[in-house]
Amino acid sequence: MNFGDSLPLLAALVTLLLGLAIGKAWERYKLRDGKWIDRRRARDSHHYVLGLNFLVSNQIDLAIEELSQAARVDSDALEIHLILGNVHRERGQVARAIQIHQALLQRSKLTRIEHAYILLCLGLDFKRGGFVDRALEAFNEVIRMDPANQYALLYLQKLHEEQHQWADAHRIRKQLVALSGPDTQPRNQAILAFLENELGTQALRHGDRGHAARHFQSAIEQDPDTTPAYLNLGDVRFLEGDMKGAEAAWDGLMARSPDRAYLAFDRLERLYVQQGQPQRFEERCQRLIAANPQGWRARLAMGRHLAARDRHAGAFEFLLAALEQNPHGLMLHQAIWNVLIKLDLNRALVQRYMESARSAVFFLDPHVCLKCHYRSTDLLWQCPHCHEWNSFVEERIAPAKEATVEM
């Protein structure tokens, strides 16, 4: 099953879980006006059971039909209508979802928690429909009624992130941190660190290097694995002429996350060239290659560095060695082609390249989100599809090995 095929099922499961959670919440609120309200009639209906079964099996149209029947069995079964509205929303029928949830708000004598959960669902409808202001208003009203509602806070944070309102997103995440338990602290700290980094990039765009540097430093202190903060902190120090400080920041990244050290290569090369010491970059690449014989990024950087200085024969050797470790990287093939052209397509070198590349399958988008499997050519810090932070990894196909036959 590919990602596109799994989306409806995932959405349906999320809808089911939300609906069941809401249903459980209302078990505590059966007594109204001195009378016990029997909510079991609709839930015991075979239409309700069939609707949930169809929902789990991703038969959304049949689920809507059965849940609609269940809602007609007992029009007062608030949770059934909520689930039905949520299913309509996930089906893309946003106007119908809004209509259902707005009608629920018109009911008299709603409890405070009922009112809050209906508003939460309505906010999700507005968000899905692209009505950002109305979604913000709905989520803020939920929080006013129920300040500890973590669902509303989370969706509100995501809305602010989508609008690049980083200060508001950071403020709300801090509220979530205060409400959540100790088990969630590492994850919360990581998200806060990435939001700090975004605040720093925002300050840098406005020309405020001092505030930018403080945000980047704070991000690193909150979570030392916040890779872009090291890069950005080094950039600020480089702009300010603090070459040692810039090198220290990028060294910090390479020490903390060796698998992402390559992100600092271009920056370090520029720094050393500006200092008139390009050989320092070559020495650094050699040390990285010696420390990681299977690594290909340092060899690629070395090959590009030598090619830029017209040392094409040496560049070819490093690039070919990198290709042996990662035969599927398109950028490697492109770099080798450029070098071969400079070497007048030397027949022997072309033959060596063809032998190394004969089993290659080019990778155009090697980075994949671990949460939703969105693919990207570049390494992204936040997934544009599921909005998860720091979820991308580089997917590699192992080099092909020649089969051996034992006698």
Protein backbone atom coordinates (compact mmCIF):
# COMPACT_ATOMS: atom_id res chain seq x y z
CA MET A 1 0.00 0.00 0.00
CA ASN A 2 1.44 3.39 -0.94
CA PHE A 3 1.06 6.61 0.97
CA GLY A 4 -1.84 7.89 -1.13
CA ASP A 5 -3.81 4.72 -0.55
CA SER A 6 -3.27 4.76 3.21
CA LEU A 7 -4.37 8.37 3.79
CA PRO A 8 -8.15 7.70 3.91
CA LEU A 9 -7.66 4.78 6.29
CA LEU A 10 -5.48 6.84 8.60
CA ALA A 11 -7.99 9.68 8.56
CA ALA A 12 -10.83 7.27 9.28
CA LEU A 13 -8.99 5.71 12.20
CA VAL A 14 -8.23 9.13 13.66
CA THR A 15 -11.90 10.02 13.31
CA LEU A 16 -12.94 6.80 15.00
CA LEU A 17 -10.57 7.29 17.92
CA LEU A 18 -11.67 10.89 18.41
CA GLY A 19 -15.32 9.87 18.29
CA LEU A 20 -14.85 7.04 20.77
CA ALA A 21 -12.88 9.27 23.13
CA ILE A 22 -15.64 11.86 23.05
CA GLY A 23 -18.24 9.18 23.63
CA LYS A 24 -16.39 7.97 26.71
CA ALA A 25 -16.14 11.52 28.03
CA TRP A 26 -19.91 11.92 27.95
CA GLU A 27 -20.45 8.79 30.04
CA ARG A 28 -19.76 11.06 33.03
CA TYR A 29 -22.48 13.55 32.04
CA LYS A 30 -25.66 11.47 31.79
CA LEU A 31 -27.59 13.22 34.57
CA ARG A 32 -29.40 16.31 33.32
CA ASP A 33 -32.24 18.20 34.97
CA GLY A 34 -32.52 15.43 37.54
CA LYS A 35 -33.08 12.75 34.90
CA TRP A 36 -30.79 10.03 33.67
CA ILE A 37 -30.47 10.14 29.87
CA ASP A 38 -30.15 6.73 28.26
CA ARG A 39 -27.40 7.14 25.66
CA ARG A 40 -27.11 3.45 25.05
CA ARG A 41 -30.10 3.17 22.69
CA ALA A 42 -28.27 4.60 19.66
CA ARG A 43 -24.96 2.94 20.51
CA ASP A 44 -26.67 -0.45 20.85
CA SER A 45 -28.23 0.00 17.42
CA HIS A 46 -26.86 -2.32 14.75
CA HIS A 47 -26.57 0.77 12.52
CA TYR A 48 -24.06 2.30 14.93
CA VAL A 49 -22.00 -0.90 15.15
CA LEU A 50 -22.06 -1.36 11.38
CA GLY A 51 -21.09 2.28 10.89
CA LEU A 52 -18.01 1.88 13.07
CA ASN A 53 -17.08 -1.35 11.29
CA PHE A 54 -17.38 0.31 7.89
CA LEU A 55 -15.33 3.21 9.19
CA VAL A 56 -12.50 0.93 10.31
CA SER A 57 -12.56 -0.90 6.97
CA ASN A 58 -12.36 2.44 5.12
CA GLN A 59 -15.79 2.13 3.53
CA ILE A 60 -16.62 5.74 4.25
CA ASP A 61 -19.84 6.07 2.23
CA LEU A 62 -21.36 3.02 3.92
CA ALA A 63 -20.16 4.30 7.31
CA ILE A 64 -21.93 7.62 6.72
CA GLU A 65 -25.13 5.81 5.72
CA GLU A 66 -25.18 3.59 8.81
CA LEU A 67 -24.18 6.34 11.24
CA SER A 68 -26.92 8.55 9.79
CA GLN A 69 -29.39 5.74 10.50
CA ALA A 70 -28.06 5.44 14.04
CA ALA A 71 -28.47 9.19 14.55
CA ARG A 72 -32.11 8.92 13.46
CA VAL A 73 -32.72 6.13 15.99
CA ASP A 74 -31.91 8.61 18.76
CA SER A 75 -31.64 12.22 17.68
CA ASP A 76 -30.40 13.19 21.16
CA ALA A 77 -27.29 10.98 20.93
CA LEU A 78 -24.88 13.85 20.70
CA GLU A 79 -21.73 11.77 20.25
CA ILE A 80 -23.22 9.97 17.21
CA HIS A 81 -23.81 13.30 15.48
CA LEU A 82 -20.31 14.44 16.37
CA ILE A 83 -18.75 11.33 14.85
CA LEU A 84 -20.95 11.68 11.77
CA GLY A 85 -19.83 15.28 11.31
CA ASN A 86 -16.20 14.26 11.70
CA VAL A 87 -16.59 11.54 9.08
CA HIS A 88 -18.12 14.03 6.65
CA ARG A 89 -15.14 16.31 7.24
CA GLU A 90 -12.61 13.58 6.57
CA ARG A 91 -14.58 12.66 3.46
CA GLY A 92 -14.00 16.21 2.24
CA GLN A 93 -17.62 17.27 2.75
CA VAL A 94 -16.65 20.21 4.91
CA ALA A 95 -19.86 22.22 4.41
CA ARG A 96 -21.94 19.27 5.64
CA ALA A 97 -19.65 18.78 8.66
CA ILE A 98 -19.96 22.47 9.56
CA GLN A 99 -23.74 22.27 9.20
CA ILE A 100 -23.97 19.27 11.55
CA HIS A 101 -21.69 20.72 14.21
CA GLN A 102 -23.27 24.19 14.10
CA ALA A 103 -26.69 22.57 14.54
CA LEU A 104 -25.39 20.79 17.64
CA LEU A 105 -24.35 24.14 19.11
CA GLN A 106 -27.96 25.29 18.91
CA ARG A 107 -29.11 22.61 21.33
CA SER A 108 -30.33 23.85 24.67
CA LYS A 109 -28.82 22.88 27.98
CA LEU A 110 -25.47 21.70 26.65
CA THR A 111 -22.95 21.07 29.39
CA ARG A 112 -19.73 23.05 29.32
CA ILE A 113 -17.66 20.07 28.19
CA GLU A 114 -20.19 19.23 25.46
CA HIS A 115 -20.07 22.79 24.19
CA ALA A 116 -16.26 22.73 24.19
CA TYR A 117 -16.02 19.46 22.25
CA ILE A 118 -18.53 20.61 19.63
CA LEU A 119 -16.51 23.80 19.17
CA LEU A 120 -13.35 21.72 18.86
CA CYS A 121 -14.90 19.68 16.03
CA LEU A 122 -16.19 22.85 14.40
CA GLY A 123 -12.71 24.35 14.57
CA LEU A 124 -11.36 21.29 12.77
CA ASP A 125 -14.06 21.75 10.12
CA PHE A 126 -13.02 25.36 9.58
CA LYS A 127 -9.34 24.38 9.47
CA ARG A 128 -10.02 21.71 6.85
CA GLY A 129 -12.06 24.19 4.83
CA GLY A 130 -9.31 26.82 4.91
CA PHE A 131 -11.25 29.25 7.12
CA VAL A 132 -8.22 30.05 9.26
CA ASP A 133 -9.67 33.00 11.20
CA ARG A 134 -12.81 31.09 12.13
CA ALA A 135 -10.75 28.05 13.15
CA LEU A 136 -8.56 30.24 15.38
CA GLU A 137 -11.67 31.76 16.93
CA ALA A 138 -13.19 28.34 17.62
CA PHE A 139 -10.04 26.87 19.18
CA ASN A 140 -9.49 29.96 21.33
CA GLU A 141 -13.08 29.71 22.56
CA VAL A 142 -12.51 26.06 23.50
CA ILE A 143 -9.45 27.07 25.51
CA ARG A 144 -11.41 29.86 27.20
CA MET A 145 -14.02 27.30 28.27
CA ASP A 146 -11.53 24.53 29.03
CA PRO A 147 -7.99 25.91 29.58
CA ALA A 148 -6.56 22.40 29.96
CA ASN A 149 -7.88 21.13 26.61
CA GLN A 150 -4.67 19.85 25.03
CA TYR A 151 -6.37 18.99 21.73
CA ALA A 152 -7.39 22.60 21.18
CA LEU A 153 -3.97 23.88 22.20
CA LEU A 154 -2.24 21.48 19.82
CA TYR A 155 -4.43 22.40 16.84
CA LEU A 156 -4.03 26.08 17.68
CA GLN A 157 -0.26 25.69 17.74
CA LYS A 158 -0.32 23.96 14.34
CA LEU A 159 -2.45 26.74 12.87
CA HIS A 160 0.03 29.36 14.09
CA GLU A 161 2.89 27.31 12.62
CA GLU A 162 1.16 27.13 9.26
CA GLN A 163 0.79 30.92 9.33
CA HIS A 164 4.46 31.28 10.40
CA GLN A 165 3.34 32.98 13.62
CA TRP A 166 6.24 31.48 15.53
CA ALA A 167 5.93 33.54 18.73
CA ASP A 168 2.29 32.44 19.20
CA ALA A 169 3.16 28.82 18.39
CA HIS A 170 6.01 28.92 20.92
CA ARG A 171 3.76 30.41 23.61
CA ILE A 172 1.11 27.75 23.13
CA ARG A 173 3.66 24.92 23.11
CA LYS A 174 4.88 26.18 26.50
CA GLN A 175 1.30 25.88 27.77
CA LEU A 176 1.23 22.30 26.51
CA VAL A 177 4.51 21.59 28.26
CA ALA A 178 3.03 22.82 31.53
CA LEU A 179 -0.01 20.56 31.10
CA SER A 180 1.75 17.40 29.92
CA GLY A 181 3.46 14.78 32.02
CA PRO A 182 7.20 14.08 32.36
CA ASP A 183 7.07 11.34 29.72
CA THR A 184 6.44 13.92 27.03
CA GLN A 185 9.16 16.35 28.09
CA PRO A 186 11.88 15.24 25.61
CA ARG A 187 9.49 15.58 22.69
CA ASN A 188 8.19 18.92 23.96
CA GLN A 189 11.71 20.25 24.42
CA ALA A 190 12.58 19.24 20.87
CA ILE A 191 9.57 21.08 19.44
CA LEU A 192 10.28 24.15 21.57
CA ALA A 193 13.86 24.12 20.30
CA PHE A 194 12.75 24.08 16.66
CA LEU A 195 10.31 26.91 17.35
CA GLU A 196 13.16 28.86 18.96
CA ASN A 197 15.16 28.28 15.79
CA GLU A 198 12.29 29.66 13.69
CA LEU A 199 12.12 32.72 15.93
CA GLY A 200 15.83 33.16 15.29
CA THR A 201 15.48 32.94 11.51
CA GLN A 202 12.62 35.44 11.71
CA ALA A 203 14.79 37.86 13.69
CA LEU A 204 17.63 37.37 11.22
CA ARG A 205 15.35 38.25 8.30
CA HIS A 206 14.54 41.48 10.11
CA GLY A 207 18.26 42.22 10.50
CA ASP A 208 18.34 41.66 14.28
CA ARG A 209 21.42 39.46 14.58
CA GLY A 210 21.64 39.77 18.35
CA HIS A 211 18.18 38.38 19.01
CA ALA A 212 18.68 35.79 16.27
CA ALA A 213 21.87 34.48 17.89
CA ARG A 214 20.18 34.28 21.29
CA HIS A 215 17.30 32.28 19.88
CA PHE A 216 19.67 29.88 18.10
CA GLN A 217 21.74 29.43 21.26
CA SER A 218 18.59 28.84 23.30
CA ALA A 219 17.44 26.21 20.81
CA ILE A 220 20.73 24.32 21.18
CA GLU A 221 20.55 24.51 24.97
CA GLN A 222 16.98 23.17 25.01
CA ASP A 223 17.78 20.32 22.62
CA PRO A 224 21.36 19.73 21.42
CA ASP A 225 20.00 17.78 18.43
CA THR A 226 18.45 20.88 16.83
CA THR A 227 20.63 20.72 13.73
CA PRO A 228 19.54 23.94 11.95
CA ALA A 229 20.29 26.03 15.04
CA TYR A 230 24.01 25.19 14.77
CA LEU A 231 24.02 26.11 11.09
CA ASN A 232 22.17 29.36 11.67
CA LEU A 233 24.25 30.34 14.70
CA GLY A 234 27.39 29.85 12.64
CA ASP A 235 25.88 31.95 9.84
CA VAL A 236 25.21 34.84 12.23
CA ARG A 237 28.74 34.74 13.61
CA PHE A 238 30.15 34.55 10.09
CA LEU A 239 28.16 37.64 9.09
CA GLU A 240 29.52 39.44 12.15
CA GLY A 241 33.09 38.54 11.19
CA ASP A 242 33.53 36.10 14.09
CA MET A 243 35.22 33.34 12.11
CA LYS A 244 36.26 31.32 15.16
CA GLY A 245 32.75 31.51 16.55
CA ALA A 246 31.28 30.40 13.22
CA GLU A 247 33.68 27.46 12.97
CA ALA A 248 32.91 26.48 16.57
CA ALA A 249 29.16 26.43 15.87
CA TRP A 250 29.55 24.25 12.79
CA ASP A 251 32.03 22.02 14.61
CA GLY A 252 29.37 21.60 17.29
CA LEU A 253 26.97 20.25 14.69
CA MET A 254 29.54 17.85 13.27
CA ALA A 255 30.38 16.52 16.73
CA ARG A 256 26.76 16.16 17.81
CA SER A 257 25.29 14.79 14.55
CA PRO A 258 28.04 13.23 12.38
CA ASP A 259 25.44 11.91 9.92
CA ARG A 260 24.44 15.50 9.17
CA ALA A 261 27.92 16.97 9.18
CA TYR A 262 27.70 17.44 5.40
CA LEU A 263 25.27 20.32 5.92
CA ALA A 264 28.20 22.42 7.16
CA PHE A 265 30.65 21.50 4.36
CA ASP A 266 29.88 24.41 2.04
CA ARG A 267 29.96 26.84 4.94
CA LEU A 268 33.32 25.60 6.19
CA GLU A 269 34.77 25.64 2.69
CA ARG A 270 33.67 29.25 2.23
CA LEU A 271 35.16 30.20 5.60
CA TYR A 272 38.55 28.59 4.87
CA VAL A 273 38.71 30.08 1.37
CA GLN A 274 37.94 33.52 2.76
CA GLN A 275 40.76 33.05 5.26
CA GLY A 276 43.09 32.06 2.41
CA GLN A 277 43.48 28.53 3.79
CA PRO A 278 41.64 26.19 1.39
CA GLN A 279 43.97 23.35 2.36
CA ARG A 280 42.28 23.27 5.77
CA PHE A 281 39.08 22.14 4.10
CA GLU A 282 40.94 19.37 2.29
CA GLU A 283 42.52 18.26 5.57
CA ARG A 284 39.13 18.20 7.28
CA CYS A 285 37.61 16.10 4.48
CA GLN A 286 40.52 13.66 4.67
CA ARG A 287 39.99 13.25 8.42
CA LEU A 288 36.27 12.64 7.94
CA ILE A 289 36.97 10.05 5.23
CA ALA A 290 39.46 8.27 7.46
CA ALA A 291 36.97 8.28 10.35
CA ASN A 292 34.14 6.91 8.17
CA PRO A 293 35.42 4.80 5.26
CA GLN A 294 31.84 4.06 4.15
CA GLY A 295 30.85 7.71 4.08
CA TRP A 296 30.30 9.33 0.69
CA ARG A 297 29.43 12.92 1.57
CA ALA A 298 32.98 13.92 2.52
CA ARG A 299 34.31 12.36 -0.69
CA LEU A 300 31.73 14.29 -2.71
CA ALA A 301 32.70 17.53 -0.97
CA MET A 302 36.38 16.83 -1.60
CA GLY A 303 35.70 16.03 -5.26
CA ARG A 304 33.75 19.23 -5.79
CA HIS A 305 36.41 21.24 -3.97
CA LEU A 306 39.20 19.86 -6.18
CA ALA A 307 37.13 20.25 -9.37
CA ALA A 308 36.53 23.92 -8.57
CA ARG A 309 40.32 24.33 -8.51
CA ASP A 310 40.81 22.54 -11.84
CA ARG A 311 42.28 19.46 -10.17
CA HIS A 312 39.95 17.23 -12.13
CA ALA A 313 41.94 13.99 -12.05
CA GLY A 314 42.05 14.01 -8.26
CA ALA A 315 38.40 15.04 -8.13
CA PHE A 316 37.42 12.07 -10.30
CA GLU A 317 39.07 9.60 -7.91
CA PHE A 318 37.22 10.94 -4.88
CA LEU A 319 33.91 11.08 -6.73
CA LEU A 320 34.29 7.54 -8.04
CA ALA A 321 35.07 6.32 -4.51
CA ALA A 322 31.92 8.09 -3.30
CA LEU A 323 29.92 6.42 -6.06
CA GLU A 324 30.98 2.99 -4.84
CA GLN A 325 29.35 3.77 -1.49
CA ASN A 326 26.21 5.38 -2.90
CA PRO A 327 25.69 4.40 -6.56
CA HIS A 328 22.12 5.75 -6.57
CA GLY A 329 22.83 9.39 -5.70
CA LEU A 330 22.04 11.55 -8.73
CA MET A 331 24.21 14.43 -7.52
CA LEU A 332 27.25 12.14 -7.58
CA HIS A 333 26.63 11.15 -11.18
CA GLN A 334 26.17 14.78 -12.17
CA ALA A 335 29.45 15.75 -10.49
CA ILE A 336 31.29 12.92 -12.26
CA TRP A 337 29.82 13.87 -15.64
CA ASN A 338 31.02 17.45 -15.18
CA VAL A 339 34.53 16.23 -14.32
CA LEU A 340 34.62 13.81 -17.25
CA ILE A 341 33.73 16.63 -19.62
CA LYS A 342 36.62 18.68 -18.23
CA LEU A 343 38.87 15.65 -18.82
CA ASP A 344 37.73 15.47 -22.47
CA LEU A 345 35.77 12.27 -21.78
CA ASN A 346 38.93 10.22 -21.28
CA ARG A 347 37.98 6.77 -22.57
CA ALA A 348 39.57 4.83 -19.71
CA LEU A 349 37.92 7.04 -17.07
CA VAL A 350 34.54 6.84 -18.77
CA GLN A 351 34.85 3.03 -18.77
CA ARG A 352 35.66 3.00 -15.06
CA TYR A 353 32.64 5.20 -14.38
CA MET A 354 30.33 2.98 -16.45
CA GLU A 355 31.46 -0.11 -14.57
CA SER A 356 30.74 1.56 -11.23
CA ALA A 357 27.36 2.91 -12.36
CA ARG A 358 25.95 -0.11 -14.18
CA SER A 359 23.59 -1.10 -11.33
CA ALA A 360 22.62 2.42 -10.28
CA VAL A 361 19.01 3.49 -9.84
CA PHE A 362 18.87 7.26 -9.55
CA PHE A 363 17.25 8.72 -6.44
CA LEU A 364 15.55 12.06 -7.15
CA ASP A 365 13.90 12.49 -3.73
CA PRO A 366 15.93 10.52 -1.18
CA HIS A 367 14.58 12.18 1.97
CA VAL A 368 11.45 10.68 3.52
CA CYS A 369 9.29 11.72 6.49
CA LEU A 370 9.19 8.94 9.08
CA LYS A 371 5.67 9.90 10.17
CA CYS A 372 3.71 10.28 6.90
CA HIS A 373 6.26 9.09 4.28
CA TYR A 374 6.26 12.39 2.37
CA ARG A 375 9.32 12.48 0.08
CA SER A 376 11.59 15.42 -0.63
CA THR A 377 14.73 16.18 -2.60
CA ASP A 378 16.03 18.32 0.27
CA LEU A 379 16.35 17.63 3.98
CA LEU A 380 13.45 19.55 5.55
CA TRP A 381 13.13 20.45 9.23
CA GLN A 382 9.31 20.40 9.23
CA CYS A 383 7.23 18.15 7.02
CA PRO A 384 5.00 20.24 4.72
CA HIS A 385 2.36 17.49 4.78
CA CYS A 386 1.98 16.32 8.39
CA HIS A 387 3.86 19.30 9.93
CA GLU A 388 5.99 17.04 12.13
CA TRP A 389 9.33 18.49 13.24
CA ASN A 390 12.69 16.85 12.47
CA SER A 391 11.05 13.77 10.93
CA PHE A 392 13.08 13.43 7.69
CA VAL A 393 15.79 10.85 7.13
CA GLU A 394 17.79 10.02 4.03
CA GLU A 395 16.67 6.74 2.50
CA ARG A 396 19.52 4.78 0.97
CA ILE A 397 19.62 1.74 -1.28
CA ALA A 398 22.56 -0.44 -0.34
CA PRO A 399 25.24 -0.88 -3.03
CA ALA A 400 24.70 -4.00 -5.07
CA LYS A 401 26.96 -6.94 -4.19
CA GLU A 402 28.15 -9.55 -6.61
CA ALA A 403 26.69 -12.95 -5.83
CA THR A 404 29.22 -15.60 -4.87
CA VAL A 405 28.75 -19.33 -5.25
CA GLU A 406 30.31 -21.60 -2.69
CA MET A 407 31.73 -24.84 -4.06
